[in-house]
N, C-alpha and C. Protein backbone atom coordinates (compact mmCIF):
# COMPACT_ATOMS: atom_id res chain seq x y z
N MET A 1 -8.45 62.61 -21.37
CA MET A 1 -7.68 62.00 -20.74
C MET A 1 -8.65 60.99 -19.75
N LYS A 2 -8.33 59.39 -18.95
CA LYS A 2 -8.54 58.51 -18.15
C LYS A 2 -7.40 58.30 -17.07
N LYS A 3 -8.53 57.77 -16.16
CA LYS A 3 -8.19 57.59 -15.11
C LYS A 3 -8.53 56.08 -14.48
N VAL A 4 -6.85 56.17 -14.02
CA VAL A 4 -7.28 53.81 -14.31
C VAL A 4 -6.72 53.90 -12.55
N LEU A 5 -7.04 52.55 -12.18
CA LEU A 5 -6.18 51.95 -11.19
C LEU A 5 -6.23 50.38 -11.45
N ILE A 6 -4.76 49.90 -11.11
CA ILE A 6 -3.73 48.83 -11.24
C ILE A 6 -4.04 48.26 -9.63
N VAL A 7 -5.23 47.44 -9.90
CA VAL A 7 -4.76 46.38 -8.22
C VAL A 7 -3.83 45.77 -8.67
N ALA A 8 -2.63 44.98 -7.95
CA ALA A 8 -1.44 44.35 -7.59
C ALA A 8 -1.57 43.71 -6.55
N PRO A 9 -1.95 42.56 -6.08
CA PRO A 9 -1.78 41.72 -4.68
C PRO A 9 -0.96 41.90 -4.19
N HIS A 10 0.33 42.02 -5.00
CA HIS A 10 1.33 42.15 -3.96
C HIS A 10 2.00 42.74 -5.05
N ALA A 11 3.27 44.09 -4.79
CA ALA A 11 4.73 44.49 -5.45
C ALA A 11 5.21 43.62 -6.00
N ASP A 12 4.49 43.54 -7.63
CA ASP A 12 5.66 42.90 -8.95
C ASP A 12 4.60 42.69 -9.31
N ASP A 13 3.48 42.05 -9.24
CA ASP A 13 2.32 41.97 -9.97
C ASP A 13 2.08 42.87 -11.25
N GLU A 14 1.84 44.11 -10.64
CA GLU A 14 1.15 45.36 -11.22
C GLU A 14 2.62 45.18 -12.86
N THR A 15 3.48 45.59 -12.61
CA THR A 15 4.88 45.08 -13.71
C THR A 15 4.58 43.50 -14.25
N LEU A 16 4.50 42.68 -13.96
CA LEU A 16 4.32 41.79 -14.74
C LEU A 16 3.28 41.50 -15.25
N GLY A 17 2.41 42.04 -14.96
CA GLY A 17 0.66 41.77 -15.94
C GLY A 17 0.42 43.48 -17.42
N CYS A 18 1.13 44.32 -16.50
CA CYS A 18 0.63 44.85 -16.82
C CYS A 18 1.15 46.36 -17.04
N GLY A 19 3.13 46.22 -16.70
CA GLY A 19 3.38 47.42 -17.15
C GLY A 19 4.05 48.14 -18.29
N GLY A 20 4.34 47.28 -19.72
CA GLY A 20 4.33 48.15 -20.28
C GLY A 20 2.86 49.11 -20.67
N THR A 21 1.68 48.38 -19.71
CA THR A 21 0.56 49.74 -20.63
C THR A 21 0.98 50.38 -19.36
N ILE A 22 0.97 50.39 -18.61
CA ILE A 22 1.38 51.71 -17.33
C ILE A 22 2.19 52.18 -17.96
N LEU A 23 2.69 51.92 -18.63
CA LEU A 23 3.67 53.07 -19.41
C LEU A 23 3.57 53.85 -20.39
N ARG A 24 2.58 52.82 -20.83
CA ARG A 24 2.07 53.68 -21.88
C ARG A 24 1.09 54.98 -21.82
N TYR A 25 0.12 54.46 -21.22
CA TYR A 25 -1.24 55.39 -20.77
C TYR A 25 -0.33 56.14 -19.90
N ILE A 26 -0.01 55.95 -19.47
CA ILE A 26 0.95 57.74 -18.31
C ILE A 26 1.95 58.65 -19.44
N LYS A 27 2.55 57.97 -20.43
CA LYS A 27 3.28 58.48 -21.77
C LYS A 27 2.05 59.11 -22.58
N GLU A 28 1.21 58.31 -22.36
CA GLU A 28 -0.26 59.43 -23.23
C GLU A 28 -1.36 60.50 -22.41
N GLY A 29 -0.56 60.93 -21.26
CA GLY A 29 -1.11 61.73 -20.74
C GLY A 29 -2.73 60.68 -19.87
N HIS A 30 -2.13 59.82 -19.75
CA HIS A 30 -3.54 59.37 -18.39
C HIS A 30 -2.99 59.58 -17.46
N GLU A 31 -3.95 59.45 -16.38
CA GLU A 31 -4.06 59.35 -14.72
C GLU A 31 -3.91 58.35 -14.43
N VAL A 32 -2.97 57.81 -13.50
CA VAL A 32 -2.97 55.65 -13.55
C VAL A 32 -2.26 55.69 -11.75
N HIS A 33 -3.44 55.06 -11.28
CA HIS A 33 -3.17 54.85 -10.10
C HIS A 33 -3.04 53.58 -9.35
N TRP A 34 -1.55 53.49 -8.57
CA TRP A 34 -1.37 51.61 -8.26
C TRP A 34 -1.86 51.36 -6.66
N LEU A 35 -2.86 50.33 -6.57
CA LEU A 35 -3.28 50.24 -5.43
C LEU A 35 -2.31 48.86 -4.81
N LEU A 36 -1.86 48.05 -3.97
CA LEU A 36 -1.15 47.49 -3.68
C LEU A 36 -2.08 47.28 -1.74
N VAL A 37 -2.36 45.43 -2.14
CA VAL A 37 -3.38 45.18 -1.80
C VAL A 37 -2.91 44.52 -0.81
N THR A 38 -1.90 43.88 -0.11
CA THR A 38 -0.52 43.34 0.60
C THR A 38 0.50 44.10 1.22
N GLY A 39 1.12 43.53 1.60
CA GLY A 39 2.16 44.52 2.15
C GLY A 39 3.07 43.90 3.54
N MET A 40 4.48 43.77 3.97
CA MET A 40 5.04 43.38 4.80
C MET A 40 5.27 44.06 6.11
N LYS A 41 4.71 42.88 7.42
CA LYS A 41 5.10 43.51 8.65
C LYS A 41 6.31 42.55 9.26
N GLU A 42 6.33 43.05 10.18
CA GLU A 42 7.23 41.58 11.41
C GLU A 42 5.99 41.30 11.71
N GLU A 43 4.89 41.52 11.92
CA GLU A 43 3.96 40.47 12.04
C GLU A 43 3.25 39.76 11.76
N PHE A 44 3.83 39.58 10.09
CA PHE A 44 3.06 38.48 9.31
C PHE A 44 4.58 37.67 8.77
N GLY A 45 5.47 37.85 10.25
CA GLY A 45 6.70 37.02 9.75
C GLY A 45 8.00 37.76 9.13
N PHE A 46 7.96 38.60 8.16
CA PHE A 46 9.23 39.33 7.68
C PHE A 46 9.89 39.52 9.01
N THR A 47 11.25 39.86 7.86
CA THR A 47 12.21 40.25 8.76
C THR A 47 12.34 42.13 8.43
N VAL A 48 12.76 42.70 9.93
CA VAL A 48 12.87 44.23 9.35
C VAL A 48 13.63 44.40 8.11
N GLU A 49 14.38 43.22 7.63
CA GLU A 49 15.47 43.89 6.64
C GLU A 49 14.57 43.48 5.49
N GLN A 50 13.79 42.89 5.17
CA GLN A 50 12.87 42.32 4.20
C GLN A 50 12.01 43.83 3.73
N ILE A 51 11.44 44.22 4.97
CA ILE A 51 11.00 45.07 4.80
C ILE A 51 10.68 45.86 4.64
N ARG A 52 12.55 47.07 5.06
CA ARG A 52 13.19 47.67 4.10
C ARG A 52 12.91 48.10 2.34
N THR A 53 14.08 46.72 2.32
CA THR A 53 14.20 46.24 0.97
C THR A 53 13.18 46.25 0.36
N ARG A 54 11.79 45.89 0.71
CA ARG A 54 10.44 45.61 -0.40
C ARG A 54 10.18 47.01 -0.25
N ASN A 55 10.18 48.15 0.38
CA ASN A 55 9.35 49.22 0.83
C ASN A 55 10.61 50.43 -0.15
N ILE A 56 11.96 50.06 -0.27
CA ILE A 56 12.63 50.54 -0.92
C ILE A 56 12.62 50.76 -2.83
N GLU A 57 11.98 48.93 -2.93
CA GLU A 57 11.61 48.37 -3.91
C GLU A 57 10.69 49.66 -4.49
N ILE A 58 9.44 49.88 -3.67
CA ILE A 58 8.11 50.02 -3.97
C ILE A 58 8.13 51.11 -4.48
N ASP A 59 9.31 52.29 -3.72
CA ASP A 59 9.15 53.17 -3.43
C ASP A 59 10.18 53.85 -5.08
N LYS A 60 11.06 53.24 -5.00
CA LYS A 60 11.72 53.60 -6.46
C LYS A 60 11.10 52.86 -7.59
N VAL A 61 10.13 51.90 -7.73
CA VAL A 61 9.40 51.25 -8.97
C VAL A 61 8.51 52.77 -9.21
N ASN A 62 7.66 53.52 -7.69
CA ASN A 62 6.50 54.11 -7.94
C ASN A 62 7.23 55.49 -8.75
N LYS A 63 8.15 55.77 -8.63
CA LYS A 63 9.08 57.06 -9.18
C LYS A 63 9.21 56.54 -10.70
N LEU A 64 9.58 55.38 -11.03
CA LEU A 64 10.01 55.04 -12.89
C LEU A 64 8.51 55.16 -13.45
N TYR A 65 7.56 54.51 -12.52
CA TYR A 65 6.58 54.32 -13.60
C TYR A 65 5.86 56.07 -13.63
N GLY A 66 5.94 56.72 -12.70
CA GLY A 66 5.34 58.73 -12.58
C GLY A 66 4.34 57.92 -11.83
N PHE A 67 3.38 57.33 -10.77
CA PHE A 67 2.51 56.86 -10.74
C PHE A 67 1.46 58.20 -9.85
N SER A 68 0.01 58.29 -10.62
CA SER A 68 -0.54 59.36 -9.42
C SER A 68 -1.00 59.21 -8.34
N SER A 69 -0.83 57.94 -7.26
CA SER A 69 -0.96 57.99 -6.34
C SER A 69 -0.45 56.48 -6.14
N LEU A 70 -0.15 55.75 -5.52
CA LEU A 70 0.31 55.12 -4.42
C LEU A 70 -0.65 54.39 -3.04
N ASN A 71 -1.54 53.44 -3.29
CA ASN A 71 -1.98 53.35 -1.91
C ASN A 71 -1.91 51.61 -1.34
N LYS A 72 -0.84 51.80 -0.58
CA LYS A 72 -1.28 50.67 0.54
C LYS A 72 -2.61 50.22 1.42
N LEU A 73 -2.59 48.82 1.28
CA LEU A 73 -4.08 48.26 2.15
C LEU A 73 -3.10 47.50 3.55
N ASN A 74 -1.73 47.06 3.52
CA ASN A 74 -0.90 46.49 3.96
C ASN A 74 -1.73 45.24 4.77
N PHE A 75 -2.40 44.60 3.96
CA PHE A 75 -3.27 42.76 4.66
C PHE A 75 -1.87 41.88 4.16
N PRO A 76 -1.84 41.00 5.11
CA PRO A 76 -1.11 39.69 4.69
C PRO A 76 -0.94 39.19 4.01
N PRO A 77 0.25 38.84 3.03
CA PRO A 77 0.59 38.20 2.14
C PRO A 77 0.47 36.59 2.18
N ALA A 78 -0.38 36.01 1.02
CA ALA A 78 -0.77 34.93 1.24
C ALA A 78 -1.56 34.11 2.35
N ALA A 79 -2.01 35.24 2.93
CA ALA A 79 -3.15 34.93 3.86
C ALA A 79 -4.64 35.78 3.83
N LEU A 80 -4.42 36.24 2.38
CA LEU A 80 -6.34 37.01 2.10
C LEU A 80 -7.24 36.06 3.10
N GLU A 81 -7.39 34.51 2.82
CA GLU A 81 -8.17 34.18 3.12
C GLU A 81 -8.59 34.10 5.03
N THR A 82 -7.77 34.56 5.82
CA THR A 82 -7.80 34.93 6.94
C THR A 82 -8.56 36.35 7.25
N ILE A 83 -8.77 37.15 6.14
CA ILE A 83 -9.45 38.50 6.42
C ILE A 83 -10.41 37.82 5.66
N SER A 84 -11.59 38.93 6.46
CA SER A 84 -12.91 39.10 5.83
C SER A 84 -13.10 39.52 4.35
N LYS A 85 -14.08 39.06 3.75
CA LYS A 85 -14.25 39.93 2.35
C LYS A 85 -15.26 41.06 2.88
N GLY A 86 -15.75 40.93 3.88
CA GLY A 86 -16.59 42.47 4.51
C GLY A 86 -15.73 43.44 4.26
N LYS A 87 -13.96 43.20 4.85
CA LYS A 87 -13.24 44.20 5.33
C LYS A 87 -12.30 44.45 3.77
N LEU A 88 -11.67 43.26 3.23
CA LEU A 88 -11.29 43.50 2.00
C LEU A 88 -11.97 44.81 1.04
N ILE A 89 -13.41 44.19 1.11
CA ILE A 89 -14.55 45.07 0.32
C ILE A 89 -14.26 46.18 0.07
N GLY A 90 -14.24 46.67 2.04
CA GLY A 90 -14.93 47.83 2.59
C GLY A 90 -13.29 48.55 1.98
N ALA A 91 -12.06 48.35 2.26
CA ALA A 91 -11.06 48.47 2.01
C ALA A 91 -10.79 49.43 0.49
N ILE A 92 -10.89 48.44 -0.34
CA ILE A 92 -10.68 48.03 -1.71
C ILE A 92 -11.94 49.58 -2.22
N SER A 93 -12.91 49.04 -2.10
CA SER A 93 -13.66 50.13 -2.03
C SER A 93 -13.73 51.67 -1.87
N LYS A 94 -13.35 52.07 -0.87
CA LYS A 94 -12.36 53.36 -0.18
C LYS A 94 -11.68 54.30 -1.24
N VAL A 95 -10.79 53.03 -2.24
CA VAL A 95 -9.49 53.28 -2.77
C VAL A 95 -10.27 54.18 -4.27
N VAL A 96 -11.36 52.98 -4.82
CA VAL A 96 -12.05 53.08 -5.69
C VAL A 96 -12.92 54.48 -5.49
N ASN A 97 -13.53 54.60 -4.43
CA ASN A 97 -14.53 55.82 -4.64
C ASN A 97 -13.57 56.72 -4.42
N GLU A 98 -12.49 57.17 -3.90
CA GLU A 98 -12.11 58.32 -4.06
C GLU A 98 -11.46 59.04 -5.48
N ILE A 99 -10.96 57.46 -6.23
CA ILE A 99 -10.20 58.01 -6.86
C ILE A 99 -11.12 57.96 -8.35
N LYS A 100 -12.36 56.94 -8.69
CA LYS A 100 -13.33 57.27 -9.49
C LYS A 100 -12.77 57.23 -11.12
N PRO A 101 -11.72 56.21 -10.75
CA PRO A 101 -11.12 55.60 -12.03
C PRO A 101 -12.42 55.49 -13.60
N ASP A 102 -12.38 55.71 -14.50
CA ASP A 102 -12.89 54.68 -15.86
C ASP A 102 -12.72 53.51 -15.99
N GLU A 103 -11.46 52.68 -15.81
CA GLU A 103 -10.56 51.65 -16.23
C GLU A 103 -10.00 51.29 -14.68
N ILE A 104 -9.96 50.33 -13.98
CA ILE A 104 -9.53 48.96 -13.29
C ILE A 104 -8.61 47.25 -14.09
N PHE A 105 -7.58 47.49 -13.67
CA PHE A 105 -6.75 46.10 -14.04
C PHE A 105 -6.71 45.33 -13.08
N THR A 106 -7.01 44.07 -13.17
CA THR A 106 -7.14 43.19 -11.78
C THR A 106 -6.60 41.75 -12.28
N THR A 107 -5.97 40.93 -11.93
CA THR A 107 -5.75 39.46 -11.23
C THR A 107 -6.72 38.89 -11.91
N TYR A 108 -6.16 38.22 -12.65
CA TYR A 108 -7.14 36.92 -13.47
C TYR A 108 -7.69 35.66 -11.99
N ARG A 109 -9.35 35.68 -12.24
CA ARG A 109 -9.12 34.83 -10.67
C ARG A 109 -9.05 33.28 -10.50
N ASN A 110 -8.09 33.02 -11.88
CA ASN A 110 -7.91 31.11 -12.01
C ASN A 110 -6.53 31.03 -11.62
N ASP A 111 -5.94 32.13 -11.19
CA ASP A 111 -4.59 32.01 -10.98
C ASP A 111 -4.11 31.11 -10.15
N ALA A 112 -3.04 30.40 -9.68
CA ALA A 112 -2.34 29.63 -9.13
C ALA A 112 -2.76 30.27 -7.15
N HIS A 113 -2.39 31.18 -7.30
CA HIS A 113 -2.58 32.21 -5.92
C HIS A 113 -3.62 32.83 -5.35
N SER A 114 -3.66 32.17 -4.38
CA SER A 114 -5.21 32.16 -4.03
C SER A 114 -5.03 33.83 -3.29
N ASP A 115 -4.70 34.55 -2.84
CA ASP A 115 -4.67 35.70 -3.11
C ASP A 115 -5.32 36.24 -4.00
N HIS A 116 -4.40 35.73 -5.47
CA HIS A 116 -4.84 35.88 -6.62
C HIS A 116 -6.66 35.95 -6.80
N GLU A 117 -6.68 35.33 -6.36
CA GLU A 117 -8.77 34.53 -6.92
C GLU A 117 -9.43 35.54 -5.83
N ILE A 118 -9.08 35.88 -4.64
CA ILE A 118 -9.53 36.85 -3.70
C ILE A 118 -9.94 38.09 -4.54
N VAL A 119 -8.22 38.93 -3.99
CA VAL A 119 -8.70 39.99 -4.90
C VAL A 119 -9.39 39.93 -6.09
N TYR A 120 -9.30 39.14 -6.98
CA TYR A 120 -10.35 39.08 -8.34
C TYR A 120 -11.96 39.63 -7.87
N ASP A 121 -12.48 38.51 -6.90
CA ASP A 121 -13.70 38.62 -6.20
C ASP A 121 -13.80 39.79 -5.45
N VAL A 122 -12.90 40.42 -4.75
CA VAL A 122 -13.46 41.53 -3.98
C VAL A 122 -13.28 42.83 -5.27
N VAL A 123 -12.08 43.04 -5.82
CA VAL A 123 -12.51 43.67 -7.27
C VAL A 123 -13.94 43.52 -8.24
N MET A 124 -14.03 42.25 -8.34
CA MET A 124 -15.82 42.35 -9.10
C MET A 124 -17.01 43.29 -8.05
N SER A 125 -16.82 42.74 -6.59
CA SER A 125 -17.81 43.41 -6.30
C SER A 125 -17.70 45.19 -5.93
N CYS A 126 -16.24 45.34 -6.37
CA CYS A 126 -15.69 47.16 -6.80
C CYS A 126 -16.17 47.73 -7.58
N THR A 127 -17.03 46.31 -8.73
CA THR A 127 -17.01 47.28 -9.58
C THR A 127 -18.55 47.59 -10.31
N LYS A 128 -19.60 47.08 -9.41
CA LYS A 128 -20.72 47.35 -9.92
C LYS A 128 -21.56 47.97 -10.36
N SER A 129 -21.94 48.29 -11.54
CA SER A 129 -22.55 49.35 -12.27
C SER A 129 -23.53 49.92 -11.66
N PHE A 130 -24.17 49.96 -11.19
CA PHE A 130 -25.25 50.61 -9.77
C PHE A 130 -24.69 51.39 -9.36
N ARG A 131 -23.59 50.52 -8.32
CA ARG A 131 -22.90 51.52 -7.54
C ARG A 131 -21.38 52.34 -7.50
N TYR A 132 -20.76 51.80 -8.66
CA TYR A 132 -19.77 52.42 -9.39
C TYR A 132 -20.28 53.11 -11.08
N PRO A 133 -20.30 53.62 -11.05
CA PRO A 133 -21.25 54.05 -12.71
C PRO A 133 -20.03 55.11 -13.33
N PHE A 134 -19.24 54.92 -12.61
CA PHE A 134 -17.71 56.13 -13.71
C PHE A 134 -16.52 54.59 -13.77
N ILE A 135 -17.07 53.37 -13.00
CA ILE A 135 -15.76 52.63 -14.07
C ILE A 135 -16.93 52.00 -15.54
N LYS A 136 -15.94 52.70 -16.63
CA LYS A 136 -16.53 52.13 -17.95
C LYS A 136 -15.99 50.71 -18.12
N LYS A 137 -14.74 50.55 -17.72
CA LYS A 137 -13.85 48.56 -18.02
C LYS A 137 -13.03 48.22 -16.96
N VAL A 138 -12.87 46.99 -17.50
CA VAL A 138 -12.56 45.96 -15.97
C VAL A 138 -11.61 44.99 -17.31
N LEU A 139 -10.40 45.06 -16.79
CA LEU A 139 -9.35 43.71 -17.36
C LEU A 139 -9.09 43.53 -16.83
N ALA A 140 -8.90 42.07 -16.64
CA ALA A 140 -8.24 41.03 -15.79
C ALA A 140 -6.35 40.90 -16.50
N TYR A 141 -5.85 40.42 -16.32
CA TYR A 141 -4.23 40.66 -16.45
C TYR A 141 -3.79 39.15 -16.34
N GLU A 142 -2.49 38.38 -16.97
CA GLU A 142 -2.24 38.09 -16.66
C GLU A 142 -0.38 37.80 -16.58
N THR A 143 -0.44 37.06 -14.64
CA THR A 143 0.66 37.31 -14.09
C THR A 143 1.90 35.98 -14.36
N ILE A 144 2.55 36.21 -15.17
CA ILE A 144 3.62 35.05 -15.23
C ILE A 144 3.86 34.12 -13.77
N SER A 145 3.61 32.69 -13.67
CA SER A 145 4.32 32.53 -12.44
C SER A 145 3.28 31.46 -12.01
N GLU A 146 1.78 32.37 -11.78
CA GLU A 146 0.42 32.34 -11.40
C GLU A 146 -0.40 31.68 -12.05
N THR A 147 -0.48 33.00 -13.52
CA THR A 147 -1.76 32.89 -14.56
C THR A 147 -1.42 31.47 -14.90
N ASP A 148 -0.08 30.89 -15.92
CA ASP A 148 0.30 30.24 -15.99
C ASP A 148 0.10 28.27 -15.65
N PHE A 149 -0.03 28.68 -14.08
CA PHE A 149 0.16 27.88 -12.94
C PHE A 149 -1.24 27.38 -12.82
N GLY A 150 -2.15 28.52 -13.49
CA GLY A 150 -3.45 28.08 -12.83
C GLY A 150 -4.28 27.07 -13.48
N LEU A 151 -3.81 25.96 -12.91
CA LEU A 151 -4.66 24.63 -13.56
C LEU A 151 -6.19 24.46 -13.07
N LYS A 152 -7.12 25.10 -12.20
CA LYS A 152 -7.52 25.26 -11.95
C LYS A 152 -9.24 24.69 -13.00
N PRO A 153 -10.05 23.77 -12.97
CA PRO A 153 -11.27 23.32 -14.39
C PRO A 153 -12.11 24.30 -14.39
N GLU A 154 -12.01 25.92 -13.90
CA GLU A 154 -13.35 26.71 -14.27
C GLU A 154 -12.46 27.44 -15.69
N GLY A 155 -11.10 27.25 -16.00
CA GLY A 155 -10.79 28.26 -16.69
C GLY A 155 -9.37 28.62 -17.36
N ALA A 156 -8.40 28.33 -18.18
CA ALA A 156 -7.40 28.62 -18.02
C ALA A 156 -7.96 30.20 -19.05
N PHE A 157 -6.74 30.68 -18.86
CA PHE A 157 -6.37 31.85 -19.35
C PHE A 157 -6.75 32.18 -21.14
N ASN A 158 -7.50 32.95 -21.67
CA ASN A 158 -8.34 32.83 -22.51
C ASN A 158 -8.26 34.26 -22.93
N PRO A 159 -6.76 35.02 -23.45
CA PRO A 159 -7.78 37.28 -23.50
C PRO A 159 -8.22 37.47 -24.60
N ASN A 160 -8.45 38.22 -25.17
CA ASN A 160 -10.04 38.61 -25.66
C ASN A 160 -9.21 40.17 -26.16
N THR A 161 -8.17 40.88 -25.43
CA THR A 161 -8.03 42.13 -25.31
C THR A 161 -6.13 42.15 -25.42
N PHE A 162 -5.53 43.11 -26.29
CA PHE A 162 -4.29 43.53 -26.28
C PHE A 162 -4.10 44.51 -26.94
N ILE A 163 -2.61 45.09 -25.84
CA ILE A 163 -2.44 46.55 -26.39
C ILE A 163 -1.30 46.72 -26.33
N ASP A 164 -1.30 47.14 -27.49
CA ASP A 164 0.84 47.62 -27.86
C ASP A 164 1.64 48.01 -26.90
N ILE A 165 3.01 47.03 -26.54
CA ILE A 165 3.57 47.63 -25.83
C ILE A 165 5.23 48.35 -26.22
N GLU A 166 5.05 47.62 -27.92
CA GLU A 166 6.26 47.84 -28.33
C GLU A 166 7.10 48.78 -27.40
N PRO A 167 7.03 49.83 -27.64
CA PRO A 167 8.12 50.86 -27.45
C PRO A 167 8.25 51.32 -25.82
N PHE A 168 7.89 50.46 -24.69
CA PHE A 168 7.98 50.22 -23.35
C PHE A 168 8.45 49.24 -22.66
N LEU A 169 8.81 48.46 -23.82
CA LEU A 169 8.91 46.84 -23.23
C LEU A 169 10.60 46.63 -22.34
N GLU A 170 11.27 47.31 -23.34
CA GLU A 170 12.62 47.31 -22.29
C GLU A 170 12.82 48.33 -21.18
N THR A 171 11.80 49.20 -21.30
CA THR A 171 11.94 49.96 -19.47
C THR A 171 10.73 49.12 -18.75
N LYS A 172 9.79 48.14 -19.19
CA LYS A 172 9.06 47.77 -18.10
C LYS A 172 10.11 46.42 -17.88
N LEU A 173 11.04 45.92 -18.47
CA LEU A 173 12.05 44.91 -17.87
C LEU A 173 12.71 45.43 -17.09
N ASP A 174 12.93 47.01 -17.79
CA ASP A 174 14.18 47.16 -16.08
C ASP A 174 13.59 47.07 -14.84
N ILE A 175 12.51 47.79 -15.10
CA ILE A 175 11.46 48.02 -13.76
C ILE A 175 11.14 46.91 -13.07
N LEU A 176 11.09 45.81 -13.78
CA LEU A 176 10.74 44.37 -13.12
C LEU A 176 12.33 44.07 -12.26
N GLU A 177 13.05 44.49 -12.86
CA GLU A 177 14.60 44.19 -12.14
C GLU A 177 14.65 44.71 -11.15
N VAL A 178 14.20 45.80 -10.67
CA VAL A 178 14.00 46.30 -9.22
C VAL A 178 13.86 45.45 -8.44
N PHE A 179 12.50 44.58 -8.45
CA PHE A 179 12.19 43.34 -7.22
C PHE A 179 13.40 42.43 -7.62
N GLU A 180 14.31 42.99 -7.26
CA GLU A 180 15.70 41.95 -6.97
C GLU A 180 15.10 40.73 -6.22
N SER A 181 13.93 40.26 -5.45
CA SER A 181 14.28 39.16 -4.37
C SER A 181 12.71 38.50 -5.27
N GLU A 182 12.52 39.00 -6.13
CA GLU A 182 11.11 38.35 -7.14
C GLU A 182 11.85 37.81 -8.55
N ILE A 183 12.72 38.16 -8.58
CA ILE A 183 13.11 37.39 -9.64
C ILE A 183 14.17 36.52 -9.90
N GLY A 184 14.62 35.88 -10.99
CA GLY A 184 15.23 35.04 -11.10
C GLY A 184 15.72 34.77 -12.50
N GLU A 185 16.76 33.88 -13.16
CA GLU A 185 17.46 33.42 -14.07
C GLU A 185 16.66 32.20 -15.34
N PHE A 186 16.40 33.09 -15.99
CA PHE A 186 15.37 31.94 -16.97
C PHE A 186 16.17 30.32 -16.73
N PRO A 187 15.19 29.08 -17.07
CA PRO A 187 14.13 29.61 -16.86
C PRO A 187 12.84 29.58 -15.65
N PHE A 188 13.39 30.35 -15.01
CA PHE A 188 12.32 30.29 -13.85
C PHE A 188 11.72 31.61 -14.87
N PRO A 189 9.99 31.27 -13.94
CA PRO A 189 9.38 32.76 -14.50
C PRO A 189 9.03 33.83 -14.47
N ARG A 190 9.36 33.80 -13.82
CA ARG A 190 9.87 35.92 -13.26
C ARG A 190 10.83 36.58 -13.64
N SER A 191 11.61 36.27 -15.13
CA SER A 191 12.56 36.34 -15.65
C SER A 191 12.59 37.33 -16.53
N ARG A 192 13.96 38.02 -16.47
CA ARG A 192 13.57 38.59 -17.93
C ARG A 192 13.66 38.28 -19.17
N LYS A 193 13.29 36.97 -20.18
CA LYS A 193 13.81 36.78 -21.00
C LYS A 193 12.63 36.20 -20.60
N ALA A 194 12.01 35.31 -19.71
CA ALA A 194 10.27 35.28 -19.66
C ALA A 194 10.30 36.23 -20.25
N LEU A 195 9.21 36.84 -19.61
CA LEU A 195 8.60 38.64 -18.94
C LEU A 195 8.93 38.89 -21.17
N GLU A 196 10.00 38.91 -21.81
CA GLU A 196 9.84 39.46 -23.22
C GLU A 196 9.58 38.63 -23.57
N SER A 197 9.59 36.95 -24.31
CA SER A 197 8.76 36.27 -24.58
C SER A 197 8.10 36.36 -24.46
N LEU A 198 7.19 36.21 -23.25
CA LEU A 198 6.04 36.28 -23.65
C LEU A 198 4.98 38.08 -24.05
N ALA A 199 5.80 38.32 -23.88
CA ALA A 199 5.29 39.92 -25.39
C ALA A 199 4.98 39.69 -26.28
N TYR A 200 6.32 38.99 -26.73
CA TYR A 200 6.46 38.66 -28.35
C TYR A 200 5.12 37.60 -28.81
N ILE A 201 4.91 36.73 -27.41
CA ILE A 201 4.07 35.31 -27.94
C ILE A 201 2.60 36.31 -28.70
N ARG A 202 2.54 37.29 -27.37
CA ARG A 202 0.94 38.22 -27.41
C ARG A 202 1.25 39.37 -28.31
N GLY A 203 2.16 39.70 -28.35
CA GLY A 203 2.25 40.30 -30.33
C GLY A 203 1.99 39.66 -31.44
N ALA A 204 2.91 37.98 -31.22
CA ALA A 204 1.93 37.54 -32.47
C ALA A 204 0.72 37.40 -32.92
N GLN A 205 0.50 37.47 -31.25
CA GLN A 205 -1.31 37.00 -31.19
C GLN A 205 -2.29 38.17 -31.72
N SER A 206 -1.51 39.63 -32.09
CA SER A 206 -2.28 40.64 -31.90
C SER A 206 -2.09 41.55 -33.15
N ASN A 207 -0.58 40.93 -33.49
CA ASN A 207 -0.23 41.49 -34.93
C ASN A 207 0.83 42.65 -34.70
N CYS A 208 1.54 42.92 -34.11
CA CYS A 208 1.96 44.08 -33.10
C CYS A 208 3.56 42.94 -32.41
N ASN A 209 4.28 43.76 -32.68
CA ASN A 209 5.71 43.27 -32.86
C ASN A 209 6.09 42.97 -30.09
N ALA A 210 4.97 43.37 -30.14
CA ALA A 210 5.00 42.84 -28.19
C ALA A 210 4.03 43.81 -28.30
N ALA A 211 3.25 43.18 -26.85
CA ALA A 211 1.81 43.43 -26.61
C ALA A 211 1.89 42.68 -25.10
N GLU A 212 0.87 42.74 -24.43
CA GLU A 212 0.33 42.43 -23.10
C GLU A 212 -0.94 42.40 -23.44
N ALA A 213 -1.25 40.72 -22.77
CA ALA A 213 -2.78 40.34 -22.93
C ALA A 213 -4.00 40.90 -21.36
N TYR A 214 -5.22 40.84 -22.21
CA TYR A 214 -5.76 40.61 -21.09
C TYR A 214 -7.20 40.11 -21.30
N PHE A 215 -8.06 39.62 -19.95
CA PHE A 215 -9.71 39.07 -20.11
C PHE A 215 -10.30 40.70 -20.00
N MET A 216 -11.23 40.41 -20.80
CA MET A 216 -12.18 41.91 -20.24
C MET A 216 -12.99 41.37 -19.62
N ILE A 217 -13.08 41.85 -18.63
CA ILE A 217 -14.65 41.27 -17.68
C ILE A 217 -15.63 42.21 -18.02
N LYS A 218 -15.52 43.39 -18.74
CA LYS A 218 -16.94 43.88 -19.05
C LYS A 218 -16.06 45.54 -19.87
N GLU A 219 -17.40 46.54 -20.64
CA GLU A 219 -17.29 47.36 -21.42
C GLU A 219 -18.60 48.28 -21.44
N VAL A 220 -18.22 49.54 -20.80
CA VAL A 220 -19.64 50.22 -20.94
C VAL A 220 -19.52 51.95 -21.90
N ILE A 221 -20.48 51.01 -22.98
CA ILE A 221 -20.14 52.16 -23.70
C ILE A 221 -21.04 52.92 -24.78
């Protein structure tokens, strides 16, 4: 049994990027944990109703997946650049040391959203082998509407690892629809049709009927 930590800057990133993998890992008996870096608060400009709705969505998604734990850091969304790197590293490192995961999934550094870039950098600081020797694999996932719009010259998302999610694709898409405020009708990127299409494309690249794609940062064997 593996311990796996899914790091999501915002609620829905985990489903967009690795929902099928989460379902597969849990079905296979692995221990999967969810770390949410940001959260809605009135002081961040969100209404009481927005906060209530999002908390209901998160609780429902948590139960649908069957995560071993849900860890909320509640940093301000779309404003992580206002938080010191040291504070972010301390908060994420604390969760990493408590769970001691074998594998960590995080966002891709060149995504369009600045929160994704910051979370990637912080996770890299929290996965150094000499400080966190229990971590054996680190992968970056793609987040449609962010990874595909990441036009930074440092490099596009070129996956080198694929996970077959064919039996779990429909459930992933059902879970995505829990986040009613975050999804829309095709051709909106965060739509059922777009996510389904991406899974088929990644499947075609890896000789699967449906897959999720990752960029492997490192693996210790």
